[in-house]
N, C-alpha and C. Protein backbone atom coordinates (compact mmCIF):
# COMPACT_ATOMS: atom_id res chain seq x y z
N UNK A 1 4.63 -3.78 18.45
CA UNK A 1 5.11 -2.92 17.29
C UNK A 1 6.42 -3.61 16.89
N UNK A 2 6.56 -3.91 15.66
CA UNK A 2 8.12 -3.92 15.36
C UNK A 2 8.71 -2.58 14.90
N UNK A 3 9.87 -2.74 15.00
CA UNK A 3 10.37 -1.43 14.15
C UNK A 3 10.04 -1.02 12.67
N UNK A 4 9.49 -0.16 12.37
CA UNK A 4 9.19 0.31 11.06
C UNK A 4 10.30 0.40 10.20
N UNK A 5 10.06 -0.06 8.88
CA UNK A 5 11.49 0.10 7.82
C UNK A 5 10.69 0.53 6.77
N UNK A 6 9.49 1.06 6.70
CA UNK A 6 8.79 1.03 5.17
C UNK A 6 9.06 2.74 4.96
N UNK A 7 8.26 3.41 4.38
CA UNK A 7 8.31 4.73 3.64
C UNK A 7 8.06 6.01 4.98
N UNK A 8 9.43 6.55 5.13
CA UNK A 8 9.12 7.53 6.24
C UNK A 8 7.94 8.62 5.75
N UNK A 9 8.16 8.87 4.35
CA UNK A 9 7.10 10.07 3.77
C UNK A 9 5.65 9.55 4.40
N UNK A 10 5.22 8.25 3.90
CA UNK A 10 3.92 8.00 4.05
C UNK A 10 3.55 7.69 5.85
N UNK A 11 4.69 7.60 6.67
CA UNK A 11 4.18 7.90 8.33
C UNK A 11 3.97 9.05 8.35
N UNK A 12 5.19 9.90 8.27
CA UNK A 12 4.85 11.34 8.18
C UNK A 12 3.65 11.88 7.91
N UNK A 13 3.57 11.77 6.82
CA UNK A 13 1.80 12.27 6.34
C UNK A 13 0.23 11.65 7.02
N UNK A 14 0.79 10.55 7.34
CA UNK A 14 0.07 9.77 8.54
C UNK A 14 -0.41 10.76 9.86
N UNK A 15 0.86 10.69 10.49
CA UNK A 15 1.06 11.82 11.57
C UNK A 15 0.64 12.87 11.67
N UNK A 16 1.03 13.82 10.41
CA UNK A 16 1.10 15.06 10.11
C UNK A 16 2.53 15.89 11.14
N UNK A 17 3.31 14.91 11.04
CA UNK A 17 4.68 15.36 11.93
C UNK A 17 5.93 14.73 11.17
N UNK A 18 6.81 15.59 10.69
CA UNK A 18 8.14 15.30 10.40
C UNK A 18 8.53 14.20 11.42
N UNK A 19 9.17 13.10 10.81
CA UNK A 19 10.14 12.06 11.54
C UNK A 19 11.42 12.43 11.58
N UNK A 20 11.66 12.91 10.55
CA UNK A 20 13.00 13.15 10.20
C UNK A 20 13.57 14.53 11.05
N UNK A 21 12.45 15.28 11.45
CA UNK A 21 12.66 16.47 12.16
C UNK A 21 13.11 17.54 11.17
N UNK A 22 12.94 17.64 9.96
CA UNK A 22 13.42 18.67 9.04
C UNK A 22 12.56 19.25 7.86
N UNK A 23 11.15 18.58 8.06
CA UNK A 23 9.97 18.74 7.13
C UNK A 23 10.30 18.66 5.53
N UNK A 24 11.43 17.65 5.27
CA UNK A 24 11.67 17.24 4.25
C UNK A 24 10.63 16.58 3.53
N UNK A 25 10.11 15.69 4.23
CA UNK A 25 8.83 14.89 3.88
C UNK A 25 7.53 16.01 3.32
N UNK A 26 7.94 16.79 3.64
CA UNK A 26 6.58 17.94 2.88
C UNK A 26 6.97 19.05 2.26
N UNK A 27 8.13 19.01 1.62
CA UNK A 27 8.66 20.13 1.10
C UNK A 27 7.92 20.03 -0.39
N UNK A 28 7.66 20.95 -1.02
CA UNK A 28 6.84 21.20 -2.25
C UNK A 28 7.80 20.55 -3.27
N UNK A 29 7.14 19.61 -4.12
CA UNK A 29 7.48 18.93 -4.96
C UNK A 29 6.97 17.12 -4.85
N UNK A 30 6.96 17.12 -3.38
CA UNK A 30 6.59 15.53 -2.92
C UNK A 30 4.84 15.51 -3.24
N UNK A 31 4.50 14.25 -3.75
CA UNK A 31 3.12 14.14 -4.06
C UNK A 31 1.76 14.41 -3.47
N UNK A 32 2.27 14.11 -2.11
CA UNK A 32 0.98 14.40 -1.17
C UNK A 32 1.38 14.92 0.38
N UNK A 33 1.14 15.69 0.70
CA UNK A 33 1.28 15.96 2.05
C UNK A 33 0.05 15.56 3.37
N UNK A 34 -1.38 15.49 2.57
CA UNK A 34 -2.48 14.85 3.43
C UNK A 34 -2.13 13.08 3.83
N UNK A 35 -3.00 12.89 4.70
CA UNK A 35 -2.50 11.11 4.92
C UNK A 35 -2.82 10.21 3.90
N UNK A 36 -1.98 9.23 3.95
CA UNK A 36 -2.26 8.10 2.79
C UNK A 36 -3.79 7.69 3.24
N UNK A 37 -4.35 7.05 1.83
CA UNK A 37 -5.71 6.48 2.34
C UNK A 37 -7.08 7.31 1.60
N UNK A 38 -7.91 6.49 1.36
CA UNK A 38 -9.27 6.82 1.02
C UNK A 38 -9.84 8.41 1.36
N UNK A 39 -9.38 8.44 2.69
CA UNK A 39 -10.19 9.43 3.95
C UNK A 39 -8.95 10.88 3.90
N UNK A 40 -7.52 10.39 3.54
CA UNK A 40 -6.46 11.08 4.01
C UNK A 40 -7.16 12.67 4.25
N UNK A 41 -7.47 13.42 3.08
CA UNK A 41 -7.94 14.45 3.58
C UNK A 41 -8.99 15.02 4.49
N UNK A 42 -9.76 14.25 4.81
CA UNK A 42 -10.62 14.52 5.83
C UNK A 42 -10.28 14.74 7.58
N UNK A 43 -10.47 15.99 7.62
CA UNK A 43 -10.29 16.43 9.07
C UNK A 43 -11.04 15.56 10.35
N UNK A 44 -10.20 14.68 10.69
CA UNK A 44 -10.63 13.98 11.84
C UNK A 44 -10.23 14.22 13.26
N UNK A 45 -11.15 14.42 14.19
CA UNK A 45 -10.85 14.81 15.55
C UNK A 45 -10.47 13.88 16.33
N UNK A 46 -9.09 13.52 16.80
CA UNK A 46 -9.04 12.21 17.49
C UNK A 46 -9.15 12.68 18.95
N UNK A 47 -9.73 11.21 19.56
CA UNK A 47 -9.93 10.98 21.24
C UNK A 47 -9.02 11.26 21.97
N UNK A 48 -9.01 11.46 23.40
CA UNK A 48 -8.11 11.40 24.41
C UNK A 48 -7.16 10.19 24.12
N UNK A 49 -7.88 8.93 23.80
CA UNK A 49 -6.68 7.66 23.39
C UNK A 49 -6.21 8.10 22.24
N UNK A 50 -6.99 8.49 21.14
CA UNK A 50 -6.15 8.59 19.89
C UNK A 50 -5.20 9.30 19.87
N UNK A 51 -5.04 10.63 20.81
CA UNK A 51 -4.06 11.71 20.53
C UNK A 51 -2.87 11.20 21.21
N UNK A 52 -3.16 10.22 22.42
CA UNK A 52 -2.13 9.46 23.13
C UNK A 52 -1.26 8.65 22.31
N UNK A 53 -1.96 7.82 21.46
CA UNK A 53 -1.39 6.76 20.72
C UNK A 53 -0.58 7.80 19.25
N UNK A 54 -1.14 8.43 19.41
CA UNK A 54 -0.45 9.17 17.94
C UNK A 54 0.75 10.09 18.12
N UNK A 55 0.86 10.65 19.53
CA UNK A 55 1.83 10.98 20.11
C UNK A 55 2.88 10.26 20.41
N UNK A 56 2.36 8.60 20.91
CA UNK A 56 3.46 7.55 20.87
C UNK A 56 4.18 7.20 19.94
N UNK A 57 3.35 7.29 18.52
CA UNK A 57 3.63 6.80 17.34
C UNK A 57 4.79 7.74 16.93
N UNK A 58 4.61 9.02 17.12
CA UNK A 58 5.79 9.85 16.91
C UNK A 58 7.14 9.66 17.22
N UNK A 59 7.17 9.40 18.58
CA UNK A 59 8.25 8.99 19.36
C UNK A 59 8.70 7.74 18.69
N UNK A 60 8.08 7.16 18.49
CA UNK A 60 8.15 5.73 17.99
C UNK A 60 9.22 5.33 16.75
N UNK A 61 8.49 6.19 15.72
CA UNK A 61 8.96 6.03 14.73
C UNK A 61 10.15 7.31 14.57
N UNK A 62 10.23 8.08 15.26
CA UNK A 62 11.20 8.99 15.06
C UNK A 62 12.57 8.57 15.62
N UNK A 63 12.61 8.04 16.85
CA UNK A 63 13.76 7.27 17.24
C UNK A 63 13.65 5.98 16.95
N UNK A 64 12.86 5.27 16.07
CA UNK A 64 13.06 4.18 15.74
C UNK A 64 13.23 3.05 16.77
N UNK A 65 12.09 2.92 17.68
CA UNK A 65 12.15 2.22 19.15
C UNK A 65 11.17 1.29 18.30
N UNK A 66 10.95 -0.27 19.02
CA UNK A 66 9.70 -0.93 18.70
C UNK A 66 9.30 -0.50 20.03
N UNK A 67 8.02 -1.19 20.07
CA UNK A 67 7.15 -0.95 21.29
C UNK A 67 7.61 -1.43 22.91
N UNK A 68 8.28 -2.97 22.82
CA UNK A 68 9.04 -3.75 23.59
C UNK A 68 9.92 -2.71 24.38
N UNK A 69 10.76 -1.95 23.21
CA UNK A 69 12.01 -1.03 23.48
C UNK A 69 11.41 0.04 24.48
N UNK A 70 10.18 0.70 23.84
CA UNK A 70 9.57 1.77 24.47
C UNK A 70 9.21 1.45 25.88
N UNK A 71 8.56 0.36 26.10
CA UNK A 71 8.30 0.26 27.47
C UNK A 71 9.66 0.10 28.42
N UNK A 72 10.69 -0.45 27.97
CA UNK A 72 11.47 -0.44 28.58
C UNK A 72 12.47 0.79 29.10
N UNK A 73 12.17 1.56 28.18
CA UNK A 73 12.88 2.95 28.16
C UNK A 73 11.95 3.76 29.07
N UNK A 74 10.49 3.45 28.63
CA UNK A 74 9.71 4.29 29.76
C UNK A 74 9.90 3.75 31.53
N UNK A 75 10.14 2.88 31.49
CA UNK A 75 10.34 2.07 32.74
C UNK A 75 11.72 2.49 33.47
N UNK A 76 12.86 2.68 32.36
CA UNK A 76 14.13 3.49 32.96
C UNK A 76 13.71 4.94 33.39
N UNK A 77 13.24 5.65 32.25
CA UNK A 77 12.61 6.83 32.83
C UNK A 77 12.10 7.01 34.28
N UNK A 78 10.96 6.11 34.33
CA UNK A 78 10.41 6.21 35.42
C UNK A 78 11.15 6.34 37.28
N UNK A 79 12.60 5.75 36.92
CA UNK A 79 13.54 5.50 37.68
C UNK A 79 14.57 6.53 38.21
N UNK A 80 14.35 7.60 37.21
CA UNK A 80 15.02 8.79 37.24
C UNK A 80 14.62 9.65 37.91
N UNK A 81 15.34 10.77 38.30
CA UNK A 81 14.83 11.85 39.39
C UNK A 81 14.41 12.92 38.42
N UNK A 82 13.33 13.37 38.93
CA UNK A 82 12.68 14.13 37.99
C UNK A 82 11.32 14.25 37.41
N UNK A 83 11.15 14.79 36.23
CA UNK A 83 9.73 14.58 35.33
C UNK A 83 9.71 13.24 34.60
N UNK A 84 8.96 12.41 34.71
CA UNK A 84 8.80 11.69 33.98
C UNK A 84 8.64 12.09 32.46
N UNK A 85 8.12 12.84 31.68
CA UNK A 85 7.99 13.40 30.58
C UNK A 85 9.47 13.75 30.16
N UNK A 86 9.92 14.79 30.81
CA UNK A 86 11.34 14.92 30.00
C UNK A 86 11.93 13.85 30.60
N UNK A 87 12.01 13.08 31.33
CA UNK A 87 13.11 11.92 31.49
C UNK A 87 12.70 10.82 30.45
N UNK A 88 11.59 11.01 30.09
CA UNK A 88 11.64 9.82 28.65
C UNK A 88 12.06 10.27 27.83
N UNK A 89 12.37 11.36 27.46
CA UNK A 89 12.86 12.06 26.09
C UNK A 89 14.19 12.30 26.47
N UNK A 90 14.90 12.26 27.62
CA UNK A 90 16.26 12.19 28.08
C UNK A 90 17.03 10.98 27.54
N UNK A 91 15.97 9.87 28.37
CA UNK A 91 16.33 8.25 27.83
C UNK A 91 16.53 8.45 26.38
N UNK A 92 15.83 8.72 25.55
CA UNK A 92 15.69 8.42 24.02
C UNK A 92 16.74 9.21 23.56
N UNK A 93 16.79 10.28 23.75
CA UNK A 93 18.02 10.94 23.55
C UNK A 93 19.39 10.56 23.88
N UNK A 94 19.45 10.21 25.05
CA UNK A 94 20.71 9.25 25.25
C UNK A 94 21.22 8.15 24.86
N UNK A 95 20.43 7.65 23.66
CA UNK A 95 20.64 6.29 23.23
C UNK A 95 21.94 6.29 22.22
N UNK A 96 22.57 5.41 22.33
CA UNK A 96 23.85 5.50 21.34
C UNK A 96 23.58 6.09 19.73
N UNK A 97 22.47 5.52 19.07
CA UNK A 97 22.34 5.55 18.06
C UNK A 97 21.53 6.95 17.59
N UNK A 98 21.03 7.26 18.54
CA UNK A 98 20.77 8.96 18.38
C UNK A 98 21.82 9.84 18.24
N UNK A 99 22.57 9.64 19.60
CA UNK A 99 23.56 10.56 19.62
C UNK A 99 24.21 10.42 18.47
N UNK A 100 24.93 9.25 17.80
CA UNK A 100 25.57 9.62 16.50
C UNK A 100 24.66 10.19 15.08
N UNK A 101 23.48 10.05 15.61
CA UNK A 101 22.36 11.13 14.15
C UNK A 101 23.00 12.53 14.68
N UNK A 102 22.91 13.07 16.11
CA UNK A 102 22.94 14.32 16.75
C UNK A 102 24.20 15.13 16.51
N UNK A 103 25.06 13.99 16.44
CA UNK A 103 26.33 14.46 16.27
C UNK A 103 26.70 14.68 14.73
N UNK A 104 25.66 14.42 13.85
CA UNK A 104 26.10 14.67 12.30
C UNK A 104 26.39 13.85 11.34
N UNK A 105 27.20 12.42 12.38
CA UNK A 105 28.05 11.41 11.78
C UNK A 105 27.17 10.56 10.74
N UNK A 106 25.80 10.88 10.73
CA UNK A 106 24.74 10.12 9.82
C UNK A 106 23.72 10.72 9.38
N UNK A 107 23.44 10.67 8.25
CA UNK A 107 22.49 11.65 7.88
C UNK A 107 20.90 11.39 8.30
N UNK A 108 20.45 10.46 8.90
CA UNK A 108 19.33 9.72 9.86
C UNK A 108 19.58 8.78 11.00
N UNK A 109 18.70 8.69 11.51
CA UNK A 109 18.81 7.79 12.59
C UNK A 109 18.87 6.26 12.19
N UNK A 110 18.13 5.94 11.14
CA UNK A 110 17.99 4.86 10.89
C UNK A 110 19.75 4.20 10.22
N UNK A 111 20.28 5.27 9.53
CA UNK A 111 21.60 4.84 9.21
C UNK A 111 22.51 4.79 10.40
N UNK A 112 22.17 5.95 11.33
CA UNK A 112 22.96 5.86 12.62
C UNK A 112 23.10 4.49 13.17
N UNK A 113 21.87 3.87 12.98
CA UNK A 113 21.81 2.48 13.76
C UNK A 113 22.53 1.32 12.83
N UNK A 114 22.57 1.85 11.48
CA UNK A 114 23.50 0.68 10.94
C UNK A 114 25.02 0.91 11.40
N UNK A 115 25.50 1.79 11.36
CA UNK A 115 26.82 2.30 11.76
C UNK A 115 27.26 1.93 13.04
N UNK A 116 26.43 1.60 14.12
CA UNK A 116 26.64 1.14 15.21
C UNK A 116 26.44 -0.09 15.53
N UNK A 117 25.50 -0.51 14.79
CA UNK A 117 25.13 -2.33 14.54
C UNK A 117 26.56 -3.07 13.95
N UNK A 118 26.87 -2.19 12.92
CA UNK A 118 28.31 -2.98 12.55
C UNK A 118 29.66 -2.67 12.91
N UNK A 119 29.45 -2.25 14.28
CA UNK A 119 30.70 -1.89 14.75
C UNK A 119 31.77 -0.70 14.34
N UNK A 120 31.05 0.32 13.76
CA UNK A 120 31.88 1.39 13.39
C UNK A 120 32.18 2.38 14.20
N UNK A 121 31.62 2.20 15.62
CA UNK A 121 31.44 3.62 16.64
C UNK A 121 31.94 3.08 17.63
N UNK A 122 32.75 3.80 18.33
CA UNK A 122 33.69 3.81 19.64
C UNK A 122 32.82 5.00 20.74
N UNK A 123 32.91 4.43 21.65
CA UNK A 123 32.47 5.20 22.99
C UNK A 123 33.87 5.24 23.91
N UNK A 124 34.44 6.46 24.08
CA UNK A 124 35.30 6.35 25.09
C UNK A 124 36.57 5.26 24.75
N UNK A 125 36.63 5.10 23.31
CA UNK A 125 37.79 4.62 22.66
C UNK A 125 37.53 2.89 22.50
N UNK A 126 36.62 2.77 23.17
CA UNK A 126 35.93 1.27 23.01
C UNK A 126 34.85 0.88 21.97
N UNK A 127 35.01 -0.38 21.08
CA UNK A 127 33.78 -0.15 20.38
C UNK A 127 32.31 -0.82 21.09
N UNK A 128 31.50 0.04 20.35
CA UNK A 128 30.36 -0.42 21.27
C UNK A 128 29.18 -0.44 19.91
N UNK A 129 28.49 -2.05 19.84
CA UNK A 129 27.70 -2.11 18.98
C UNK A 129 26.36 -2.39 18.94
N UNK A 130 25.98 -1.67 20.21
CA UNK A 130 24.60 -1.94 20.58
C UNK A 130 23.92 -0.41 20.53
N UNK A 131 22.89 -0.56 19.33
CA UNK A 131 22.39 0.97 19.28
C UNK A 131 21.65 1.30 20.54
N UNK A 132 20.50 0.69 21.61
CA UNK A 132 20.24 1.14 22.53
C UNK A 132 20.69 1.71 23.50
N UNK A 133 22.39 1.04 23.70
CA UNK A 133 23.08 1.87 24.80
C UNK A 133 22.85 3.06 25.25
N UNK A 134 22.47 3.41 26.60
CA UNK A 134 22.37 4.52 27.28
C UNK A 134 23.68 5.43 27.58
N UNK A 135 24.03 6.29 26.59
CA UNK A 135 25.15 6.92 27.32
C UNK A 135 25.06 8.17 28.25
N UNK A 136 26.33 7.83 29.02
CA UNK A 136 26.38 9.10 30.10
C UNK A 136 26.97 10.12 29.40
N UNK A 137 26.44 11.43 30.06
CA UNK A 137 26.91 12.74 29.86
C UNK A 137 28.55 12.86 30.05
N UNK A 138 29.50 13.37 29.28
CA UNK A 138 30.86 13.62 29.31
C UNK A 138 31.29 12.30 28.70
N UNK A 139 30.93 11.39 28.05
CA UNK A 139 31.31 10.48 27.33
C UNK A 139 31.62 11.03 25.73
N UNK A 140 32.68 10.44 25.16
CA UNK A 140 33.31 10.75 24.11
C UNK A 140 32.88 9.69 22.64
N UNK A 141 32.21 10.11 21.91
CA UNK A 141 31.45 9.08 20.48
C UNK A 141 32.39 9.52 19.42
N UNK A 142 33.10 8.54 19.00
CA UNK A 142 33.97 8.73 17.38
C UNK A 142 33.60 7.62 16.69
N UNK A 143 33.79 7.87 15.36
CA UNK A 143 33.91 7.09 14.20
C UNK A 143 35.15 6.60 14.49
N UNK A 144 34.99 5.05 14.07
CA UNK A 144 36.63 4.51 14.03
C UNK A 144 37.05 5.13 12.69
N UNK A 145 38.59 4.94 12.98
CA UNK A 145 39.37 5.43 11.58
C UNK A 145 38.95 5.02 10.38
N UNK A 146 39.21 3.45 10.30
CA UNK A 146 38.91 2.71 9.13
C UNK A 146 37.70 3.00 8.74
N UNK A 147 36.89 3.47 9.10
CA UNK A 147 35.48 3.28 8.98
C UNK A 147 34.74 4.93 8.31
N UNK A 148 35.59 6.08 8.44
CA UNK A 148 35.35 7.04 8.25
C UNK A 148 35.24 7.37 6.76
N UNK A 149 35.40 6.60 5.69
CA UNK A 149 35.28 6.78 4.06
C UNK A 149 34.29 5.97 3.60
N UNK A 150 33.22 5.20 4.89
CA UNK A 150 32.05 4.56 4.50
C UNK A 150 31.01 5.34 3.89
N UNK A 151 30.09 4.64 2.99
CA UNK A 151 29.18 5.83 2.34
C UNK A 151 28.27 6.45 3.10
N UNK A 152 28.01 5.16 4.41
CA UNK A 152 26.95 5.50 5.07
C UNK A 152 27.29 6.88 6.04
N UNK A 153 28.59 7.34 6.52
CA UNK A 153 29.03 8.42 7.10
C UNK A 153 29.06 10.14 6.30
N UNK A 154 28.37 10.56 7.12
CA UNK A 154 28.30 12.14 6.52
C UNK A 154 29.87 12.69 7.11
N UNK A 155 30.09 12.88 5.68
CA UNK A 155 31.33 13.65 5.91
C UNK A 155 31.50 14.97 5.70
N UNK A 156 30.49 15.71 5.23
CA UNK A 156 30.31 16.87 5.19
C UNK A 156 30.30 17.67 6.42
N UNK A 157 30.80 19.01 6.31
CA UNK A 157 30.77 19.91 7.66
C UNK A 157 29.54 19.83 8.42
N UNK A 158 29.73 19.43 9.86
CA UNK A 158 28.25 19.40 10.42
C UNK A 158 27.89 20.90 11.02
N UNK A 159 27.13 21.49 10.86
CA UNK A 159 26.23 22.38 11.37
C UNK A 159 25.09 22.63 12.23
N UNK A 160 24.77 23.44 13.09
CA UNK A 160 23.41 23.27 13.57
C UNK A 160 23.71 22.21 15.01
N UNK A 161 24.24 21.61 15.41
CA UNK A 161 24.55 20.37 15.98
C UNK A 161 23.87 21.17 17.44
N UNK A 162 22.92 20.77 18.22
CA UNK A 162 22.40 21.16 19.67
C UNK A 162 23.77 21.40 20.37
N UNK A 163 23.13 22.30 21.85
CA UNK A 163 24.08 22.60 22.33
C UNK A 163 24.30 21.60 23.42
N UNK A 164 23.95 20.51 23.55
CA UNK A 164 24.33 19.44 24.30
C UNK A 164 25.01 18.58 24.07
N UNK A 165 25.63 18.55 22.61
CA UNK A 165 26.47 17.79 22.23
C UNK A 165 27.99 18.92 21.56
N UNK A 166 28.95 18.03 21.51
CA UNK A 166 30.05 19.22 20.73
C UNK A 166 30.65 18.20 19.83
N UNK A 167 31.15 18.80 18.65
CA UNK A 167 31.51 17.74 17.60
C UNK A 167 32.75 18.40 17.11
N UNK A 168 33.99 17.68 16.90
CA UNK A 168 34.96 17.59 16.26
C UNK A 168 35.08 16.80 15.26
N UNK A 169 34.83 18.08 14.15
CA UNK A 169 34.78 17.68 12.77
C UNK A 169 35.71 16.64 12.05
N UNK A 170 36.77 17.45 12.37
CA UNK A 170 38.27 17.03 11.81
C UNK A 170 38.54 15.66 12.33
N UNK A 171 38.14 15.09 13.45
CA UNK A 171 38.69 13.90 13.89
C UNK A 171 37.21 12.68 14.03
N UNK A 172 36.25 13.40 13.67
CA UNK A 172 34.76 12.66 13.87
C UNK A 172 34.34 12.06 15.39
N UNK A 173 34.47 13.05 15.82
CA UNK A 173 34.33 12.61 17.50
C UNK A 173 33.34 13.46 17.62
N UNK A 174 33.18 13.60 19.11
CA UNK A 174 32.01 14.40 19.53
C UNK A 174 31.89 14.14 21.01
N UNK A 175 31.50 14.89 21.95
CA UNK A 175 31.40 14.72 23.40
C UNK A 175 29.83 15.00 23.47
N UNK A 176 29.43 14.13 24.70
CA UNK A 176 27.69 14.19 25.04
C UNK A 176 27.96 15.48 26.11
N UNK A 177 27.97 16.07 26.22
CA UNK A 177 27.92 17.23 27.19
C UNK A 177 27.07 17.48 28.36
N UNK A 178 25.77 17.05 28.16
CA UNK A 178 25.21 17.28 29.27
C UNK A 178 23.51 16.51 28.58
N UNK A 179 22.71 16.31 29.75
CA UNK A 179 21.30 15.81 29.21
C UNK A 179 20.77 17.18 28.44
N UNK A 180 19.91 16.89 27.67
CA UNK A 180 19.23 17.92 26.89
C UNK A 180 18.08 18.62 27.76
N UNK A 181 18.11 19.81 27.76
CA UNK A 181 16.68 20.59 27.88
C UNK A 181 15.37 20.64 27.06
N UNK A 182 14.47 20.86 27.52
CA UNK A 182 13.23 20.57 26.88
C UNK A 182 13.35 21.44 26.07
N UNK A 183 13.56 22.88 25.85
CA UNK A 183 13.20 23.71 24.85
C UNK A 183 14.28 23.20 23.68
N UNK A 184 15.35 22.43 23.69
CA UNK A 184 16.20 22.29 22.71
C UNK A 184 15.42 20.92 22.04
N UNK A 185 14.50 20.48 22.00
CA UNK A 185 14.16 19.22 21.57
C UNK A 185 12.78 19.81 20.68
N UNK A 186 12.34 18.76 20.50
CA UNK A 186 11.43 19.00 19.17
C UNK A 186 10.04 19.35 19.91
N UNK A 187 9.70 20.58 19.24
CA UNK A 187 8.34 21.27 19.94
C UNK A 187 7.44 20.42 19.69
N UNK A 188 7.05 19.97 18.85
CA UNK A 188 5.52 19.26 18.20
C UNK A 188 5.54 17.80 18.59
N UNK A 189 5.96 17.49 19.72
CA UNK A 189 5.77 16.48 20.73
C UNK A 189 4.99 16.87 21.88
N UNK A 190 3.83 16.14 22.50
CA UNK A 190 3.53 16.26 23.67
C UNK A 190 3.85 14.68 24.53
N UNK A 191 4.91 15.25 24.99
CA UNK A 191 5.58 13.87 25.54
C UNK A 191 4.51 13.69 26.98
N UNK A 192 3.66 14.47 27.64
CA UNK A 192 2.87 14.06 28.48
C UNK A 192 1.83 12.72 27.98
N UNK A 193 1.35 12.92 27.07
CA UNK A 193 0.38 12.01 26.18
C UNK A 193 0.87 10.66 26.44
N UNK A 194 2.33 10.61 26.05
CA UNK A 194 2.89 9.15 25.96
C UNK A 194 3.03 8.77 27.32
N UNK A 195 3.69 9.70 28.45
CA UNK A 195 3.58 9.00 29.93
C UNK A 195 2.23 8.49 30.19
N UNK A 196 0.85 9.13 29.53
CA UNK A 196 -0.33 8.92 30.40
C UNK A 196 -0.29 7.52 29.56
N UNK A 197 -0.20 7.32 28.32
CA UNK A 197 -0.04 5.99 27.63
C UNK A 197 0.15 5.07 28.24
N UNK A 198 1.59 4.78 28.65
CA UNK A 198 2.22 3.89 29.67
C UNK A 198 2.10 3.70 30.65
N UNK A 199 1.60 4.81 31.49
CA UNK A 199 1.35 4.78 33.12
C UNK A 199 0.34 3.72 32.73
N UNK A 200 -0.72 3.68 31.79
CA UNK A 200 -1.93 2.35 32.04
C UNK A 200 -1.19 0.97 31.79
N UNK A 201 -0.25 0.74 31.09
CA UNK A 201 0.72 -0.31 30.46
C UNK A 201 1.36 -0.87 31.31
N UNK A 202 2.79 0.02 32.13
CA UNK A 202 3.75 -0.04 32.72
C UNK A 202 3.40 -0.28 34.22
N UNK A 203 3.17 -0.75 34.96
CA UNK A 203 3.24 -0.76 36.64
C UNK A 203 4.63 -0.80 37.19
């Protein structure tokens, strides 16, 4: 599976899940909230295989990772101490592009990925242009001073950021304080199904 670059609304409707994590895809005024296609309004019960695939797709589209990247992330998570399911989410949340988004410097993960790729992001004062870089807790992430007026940069006051990041709005910087805890992350994901999916594929 290559990285999806199409309509977020369409994929969210297909999965019945907000990829943006804010339910904007389903707000009143959107044309359709049911799944796209001829049979979009039909209630179809998924098999166990189908449930695993759906949960994997939710995470893949939400974090913007390809299947090859997902396999590497899963392999990495299996080597961490503790629960494979929680470690999978920690590995995804610890990606640089995700943390730029979590700190509110970009409105979406897709735009945060662009910021990183184009060299606008610093980690502990050094330029880092690989979105998938795994960031360790206590790291400082900031936007280069010359880049702070770019249209991609979210210059509004950052509110409602999660407890595992601390943001300095005035200086466009933030600290990754610690790994996230499960209650702090999306409750509409069943990561256990994703682990079951990749356990068959990754040895």
